[in-house]
Amino acid sequence: MKKMLFFIANLFLYSGSVFAQKDTMMWFAGHWADSKTFIIESNMSGQAGGNSGKVNIQSNGSVKVTTPENKKWNEKIDDQIKEIEKSEEDIKTDIRKEQGLIQYNLGKETVKELENIKQQIKTYKAESSDENQDDQLLAQKNKDFAAALNKWCVQAKADFDEVMNFYRAHKKTKNEHFDLPVPPEANYQCWSCDKKQRIDFEKKSGDYVDSFFNEESKLITKALNICRTLQLLGRGENSNTSTGDDGIAQATEDAFHHSKTDPAKNGPCYGINESDLWEAVLFLAKRGMAKTEQLLKENKTNYAMLNPVIRVYLGAHRTAQLLGINVDQNNLKDLGDIMLKFYYHEKDKLIREKDYSQMANIPFMLGLLHQALILDNNSAVNSENEIKELRNFCHFKITIDMDAKIGKGGGYTLAHLKGTAKVVAELDSVK
């Protein structure tokens, strides 16, 4: 998901260029409270939600969208992070107790798994990241600027055409069906027993998530780079930007020149249209989200593939929140139900079927539980009780009650042995 998140982060850095009409910003309509704050009143993207909130233009030129939906989403993540931290502390407290020390390895692996889940959950917060931008083009001296600009125009026009050709080729396709790559598959039998298997699967899953939006990522990044440079050059729609240099201004005018009589005299940048690019950007972002819906639909019952599927889906949800597009919360609840079913599927192997080899999977099960609860935090499941049930299942009580008779040469001794002892299952080692 890194690439998907990268292009959306860039989207907010470049989106200051969308001032096509008064009282519009990006795909929102509303009004300006001041020169840096836009109040959202409605959403023009065709998506539900985003009908309140604000857009702030920050000092570094980046744009931050705040809506009730993405604020609620971030609060949900923060709440679940607190729950995970509480679970970690409860386990550490148990380990410090005399009997808990016997389960040190199990506790340590559980805390490690929860910490990994916590770090993963943090990446789903709807917070844009800062990206340093390269303004070398405008840093050129007058005598070098025209040549540098013309060189940029050639590449920008090629990128513009690539973006727009893709957009025009796909925009009329309704309910497009995507040929999606098959997610990597895990073997969760004694998942915690084989460290190498987990590392290999994590790498495959990470690669899958990072490459899932390659097509959209490449095109959006090109479009956003062009939009930003147009603003720096003062060529954005209704742009008030000025280079402050007559020589640079003339070179820019020549680069974008349009000859009504002789197309051969058009400047190398002629034809690059910012409004077309923004239309394409919104389409490509929506197309990426449509891919995740299909991915989930095709794989939601395959528990072995669920990990990368959910990571892609949650990354797309984060993207929607960053854009100010509301997402149907019922979809998230359904996904949470799927995760809970997976959790109970693994838990029942241990608790009901008495498959004691699943004890090593307790850390994994608790990780699943917390991932499920972030999707459906209204669930009646009590994570604290679940943790206690799983860890207590590893505690056994042995009762001995027997008679003994020992004898030789006509004599014998009778004895009665009775007693109880507590036995705790522990991870011997993790490969």
Foldseek 3Di string as FASTA:
>chain_A
DVLLLVLLLLCQLQQVLPPQDAQDGQQFGAHAPDPFKRWGQDGRLPFPFLRTFIWGQDPSRGIFTDDPQLVVLQVLLVVLLVVLVVVLVVLVVQCPDPVNVVAVQLSVLLNVLSVVLNVLSVVLRLDRDDDDDDPVQLVDPLVCNLVSVLVVLQVLVVLLCVLLVVCVVPVPDDLDDDPFDDFDFADCQLVQQAPVSVVVNVVSLVVSLNCRLVPLSVSSVSLSVVSRVCLCLQNRNVRPHDSPDPSSVVSSCQQQDDDPPDRVSGHSNHPRHNVSSSVSNSVSLVVLQSVLVVLCVVCLQPPRRVVSSVSNNSNSCSSCVRVRRDDPLVVLLVSLVSLVVVLVVLVCCCPVVVPVSSLSVLSVSLSSNSVSCSSPVVDPDDSVVVNCVSQCSQKDKDWDWDWDWADDDPDIDIDIDTDMDMDGDYDPDHD
